[in-house]
N, C-alpha and C. Protein backbone atom coordinates (compact mmCIF):
# COMPACT_ATOMS: atom_id res chain seq x y z
N MET A 1 10.44 6.57 -14.59
CA MET A 1 10.43 7.07 -13.23
C MET A 1 9.55 6.18 -12.36
N SER A 2 9.99 5.91 -11.14
CA SER A 2 9.23 5.04 -10.26
C SER A 2 8.45 5.84 -9.22
N THR A 3 7.42 5.20 -8.70
CA THR A 3 6.59 5.79 -7.65
C THR A 3 6.75 4.94 -6.40
N ILE A 4 7.19 5.56 -5.31
CA ILE A 4 7.35 4.87 -4.03
C ILE A 4 6.00 4.79 -3.34
N LEU A 5 5.66 3.61 -2.82
CA LEU A 5 4.42 3.41 -2.07
C LEU A 5 4.74 3.46 -0.58
N THR A 6 4.01 4.28 0.15
CA THR A 6 4.19 4.38 1.60
C THR A 6 2.84 4.21 2.29
N ILE A 7 2.90 3.91 3.59
CA ILE A 7 1.67 3.83 4.37
C ILE A 7 1.09 5.25 4.47
N PRO A 8 -0.12 5.44 3.92
CA PRO A 8 -0.72 6.78 3.95
C PRO A 8 -1.36 7.10 5.30
N LYS A 9 -1.46 8.37 5.60
CA LYS A 9 -2.16 8.83 6.80
C LYS A 9 -3.61 9.06 6.43
N LEU A 10 -4.50 8.16 6.86
CA LEU A 10 -5.90 8.21 6.49
C LEU A 10 -6.76 8.98 7.49
N GLU A 11 -6.25 9.14 8.71
CA GLU A 11 -6.98 9.84 9.77
C GLU A 11 -6.01 10.77 10.49
N MET A 12 -6.51 11.84 11.05
CA MET A 12 -5.65 12.84 11.70
C MET A 12 -4.79 12.24 12.82
N SER A 13 -5.36 11.35 13.61
CA SER A 13 -4.64 10.80 14.76
C SER A 13 -3.87 9.52 14.42
N MET A 14 -3.92 9.09 13.20
CA MET A 14 -3.30 7.83 12.79
C MET A 14 -1.77 7.91 12.81
N THR A 15 -1.13 6.92 13.45
CA THR A 15 0.33 6.86 13.47
C THR A 15 0.86 5.57 12.86
N GLU A 16 -0.02 4.54 12.75
CA GLU A 16 0.37 3.26 12.17
C GLU A 16 -0.85 2.58 11.59
N ALA A 17 -0.60 1.56 10.76
CA ALA A 17 -1.68 0.79 10.15
C ALA A 17 -1.15 -0.59 9.80
N THR A 18 -2.07 -1.52 9.56
CA THR A 18 -1.70 -2.87 9.18
C THR A 18 -1.91 -3.06 7.69
N LEU A 19 -0.89 -3.54 7.02
CA LEU A 19 -1.00 -3.92 5.61
C LEU A 19 -1.69 -5.28 5.62
N ALA A 20 -3.01 -5.27 5.51
CA ALA A 20 -3.80 -6.48 5.69
C ALA A 20 -3.58 -7.50 4.58
N GLU A 21 -3.54 -7.02 3.33
CA GLU A 21 -3.46 -7.95 2.20
C GLU A 21 -3.00 -7.23 0.94
N TRP A 22 -2.06 -7.85 0.23
CA TRP A 22 -1.73 -7.39 -1.12
C TRP A 22 -2.78 -7.98 -2.05
N LYS A 23 -3.39 -7.17 -2.90
CA LYS A 23 -4.42 -7.64 -3.83
C LYS A 23 -3.84 -8.07 -5.18
N VAL A 24 -2.56 -7.78 -5.40
CA VAL A 24 -1.88 -8.20 -6.64
C VAL A 24 -0.54 -8.84 -6.25
N GLU A 25 -0.07 -9.73 -7.10
CA GLU A 25 1.18 -10.44 -6.85
C GLU A 25 2.38 -9.53 -7.06
N ASN A 26 3.45 -9.82 -6.34
CA ASN A 26 4.72 -9.13 -6.52
C ASN A 26 5.18 -9.32 -7.97
N GLY A 27 5.57 -8.24 -8.62
CA GLY A 27 6.02 -8.31 -10.01
C GLY A 27 4.91 -8.15 -11.04
N SER A 28 3.67 -8.00 -10.58
CA SER A 28 2.54 -7.83 -11.50
C SER A 28 2.53 -6.43 -12.09
N VAL A 29 1.99 -6.33 -13.29
CA VAL A 29 1.79 -5.03 -13.92
C VAL A 29 0.44 -4.50 -13.45
N VAL A 30 0.43 -3.27 -12.93
CA VAL A 30 -0.80 -2.64 -12.45
C VAL A 30 -1.06 -1.36 -13.23
N LYS A 31 -2.32 -0.96 -13.23
CA LYS A 31 -2.72 0.29 -13.86
C LYS A 31 -3.13 1.28 -12.78
N GLU A 32 -2.90 2.56 -13.03
CA GLU A 32 -3.33 3.59 -12.09
C GLU A 32 -4.81 3.40 -11.79
N GLY A 33 -5.15 3.37 -10.50
CA GLY A 33 -6.54 3.18 -10.09
C GLY A 33 -6.88 1.76 -9.69
N ASP A 34 -6.02 0.77 -10.05
CA ASP A 34 -6.24 -0.61 -9.61
C ASP A 34 -6.08 -0.69 -8.09
N VAL A 35 -6.92 -1.48 -7.42
CA VAL A 35 -6.73 -1.72 -5.99
C VAL A 35 -5.53 -2.64 -5.84
N ILE A 36 -4.52 -2.19 -5.06
CA ILE A 36 -3.31 -2.99 -4.93
C ILE A 36 -3.12 -3.59 -3.54
N TYR A 37 -3.72 -2.96 -2.51
CA TYR A 37 -3.65 -3.56 -1.17
C TYR A 37 -4.77 -3.04 -0.29
N ILE A 38 -4.97 -3.74 0.83
CA ILE A 38 -5.96 -3.34 1.83
C ILE A 38 -5.20 -2.89 3.07
N LEU A 39 -5.56 -1.72 3.56
CA LEU A 39 -4.93 -1.14 4.74
C LEU A 39 -5.96 -1.10 5.87
N GLU A 40 -5.59 -1.60 7.04
CA GLU A 40 -6.49 -1.60 8.20
C GLU A 40 -5.95 -0.70 9.29
N THR A 41 -6.85 0.09 9.88
CA THR A 41 -6.53 0.88 11.07
C THR A 41 -7.42 0.36 12.19
N ASP A 42 -7.33 0.97 13.36
CA ASP A 42 -8.19 0.54 14.46
C ASP A 42 -9.66 0.87 14.22
N LYS A 43 -9.94 1.73 13.21
CA LYS A 43 -11.31 2.14 12.94
C LYS A 43 -11.89 1.63 11.63
N THR A 44 -11.06 1.28 10.66
CA THR A 44 -11.57 0.97 9.33
C THR A 44 -10.60 0.11 8.52
N ALA A 45 -11.10 -0.41 7.42
CA ALA A 45 -10.26 -1.08 6.41
C ALA A 45 -10.55 -0.39 5.08
N ARG A 46 -9.48 -0.07 4.33
CA ARG A 46 -9.67 0.66 3.07
C ARG A 46 -8.89 0.00 1.95
N ASP A 47 -9.51 -0.03 0.77
CA ASP A 47 -8.81 -0.44 -0.44
C ASP A 47 -7.92 0.73 -0.87
N ILE A 48 -6.66 0.44 -1.17
CA ILE A 48 -5.74 1.48 -1.61
C ILE A 48 -5.42 1.23 -3.08
N GLU A 49 -5.57 2.28 -3.88
CA GLU A 49 -5.38 2.18 -5.33
C GLU A 49 -3.96 2.55 -5.73
N ALA A 50 -3.53 2.00 -6.86
CA ALA A 50 -2.22 2.33 -7.42
C ALA A 50 -2.23 3.79 -7.86
N PRO A 51 -1.22 4.58 -7.45
CA PRO A 51 -1.15 5.98 -7.85
C PRO A 51 -0.53 6.16 -9.24
N ALA A 52 -0.04 5.06 -9.82
CA ALA A 52 0.61 5.12 -11.14
C ALA A 52 0.51 3.74 -11.78
N SER A 53 0.84 3.66 -13.06
CA SER A 53 0.87 2.39 -13.78
C SER A 53 2.31 1.90 -13.87
N GLY A 54 2.48 0.57 -13.86
CA GLY A 54 3.81 -0.01 -13.99
C GLY A 54 3.87 -1.36 -13.30
N THR A 55 5.09 -1.81 -13.02
CA THR A 55 5.32 -3.10 -12.38
C THR A 55 5.47 -2.89 -10.87
N LEU A 56 4.69 -3.65 -10.10
CA LEU A 56 4.70 -3.53 -8.64
C LEU A 56 5.81 -4.37 -8.03
N THR A 57 6.59 -3.75 -7.16
CA THR A 57 7.56 -4.46 -6.34
C THR A 57 7.14 -4.29 -4.89
N GLN A 58 6.81 -5.40 -4.23
CA GLN A 58 6.41 -5.35 -2.82
C GLN A 58 7.66 -5.32 -1.95
N LYS A 59 7.68 -4.44 -0.97
CA LYS A 59 8.82 -4.32 -0.06
C LYS A 59 8.41 -4.52 1.40
N ALA A 60 7.16 -4.90 1.62
CA ALA A 60 6.66 -5.12 2.98
C ALA A 60 5.75 -6.34 2.97
N GLU A 61 5.67 -6.98 4.11
CA GLU A 61 4.91 -8.21 4.24
C GLU A 61 3.49 -7.93 4.72
N ALA A 62 2.51 -8.58 4.10
CA ALA A 62 1.12 -8.46 4.53
C ALA A 62 0.97 -9.04 5.93
N GLY A 63 0.04 -8.47 6.69
CA GLY A 63 -0.22 -8.94 8.04
C GLY A 63 0.60 -8.23 9.10
N GLN A 64 1.49 -7.35 8.69
CA GLN A 64 2.35 -6.62 9.61
C GLN A 64 1.86 -5.18 9.79
N THR A 65 2.19 -4.59 10.91
CA THR A 65 1.83 -3.20 11.21
C THR A 65 3.04 -2.31 10.96
N TYR A 66 2.80 -1.18 10.29
CA TYR A 66 3.87 -0.25 9.92
C TYR A 66 3.48 1.17 10.30
N ASP A 67 4.48 1.99 10.59
CA ASP A 67 4.26 3.40 10.87
C ASP A 67 3.85 4.14 9.59
N VAL A 68 3.06 5.20 9.74
CA VAL A 68 2.72 6.07 8.62
C VAL A 68 4.01 6.55 7.97
N GLY A 69 4.06 6.51 6.65
CA GLY A 69 5.23 6.97 5.91
C GLY A 69 6.23 5.88 5.59
N THR A 70 6.06 4.68 6.16
CA THR A 70 6.98 3.57 5.88
C THR A 70 6.84 3.14 4.43
N GLU A 71 7.96 2.94 3.76
CA GLU A 71 7.95 2.47 2.37
C GLU A 71 7.55 1.00 2.34
N ILE A 72 6.52 0.69 1.55
CA ILE A 72 6.05 -0.69 1.46
C ILE A 72 6.16 -1.28 0.06
N GLY A 73 6.46 -0.45 -0.92
CA GLY A 73 6.57 -0.95 -2.28
C GLY A 73 6.94 0.14 -3.25
N GLU A 74 6.99 -0.27 -4.53
CA GLU A 74 7.37 0.65 -5.60
C GLU A 74 6.67 0.22 -6.88
N ILE A 75 6.28 1.19 -7.67
CA ILE A 75 5.75 0.93 -9.01
C ILE A 75 6.69 1.59 -9.99
N ALA A 76 7.24 0.77 -10.89
CA ALA A 76 8.22 1.30 -11.86
C ALA A 76 7.81 0.92 -13.27
């Protein structure tokens, strides 16, 4: 079973965020709890951890801004 990665809502008023950097390469095997990307809002930057273990498939480009809920990757 795969886990879909989406832009999380980190603040009540948040509607979008920037995927600042992928911390692991596309196709890499990750473990639950590994930091996989950095998310920036107008107020903060946060390390985002893998919610599951498996192989990461990136579906969004770093440096771009996305709406909350946008699919950015998958762990299978």
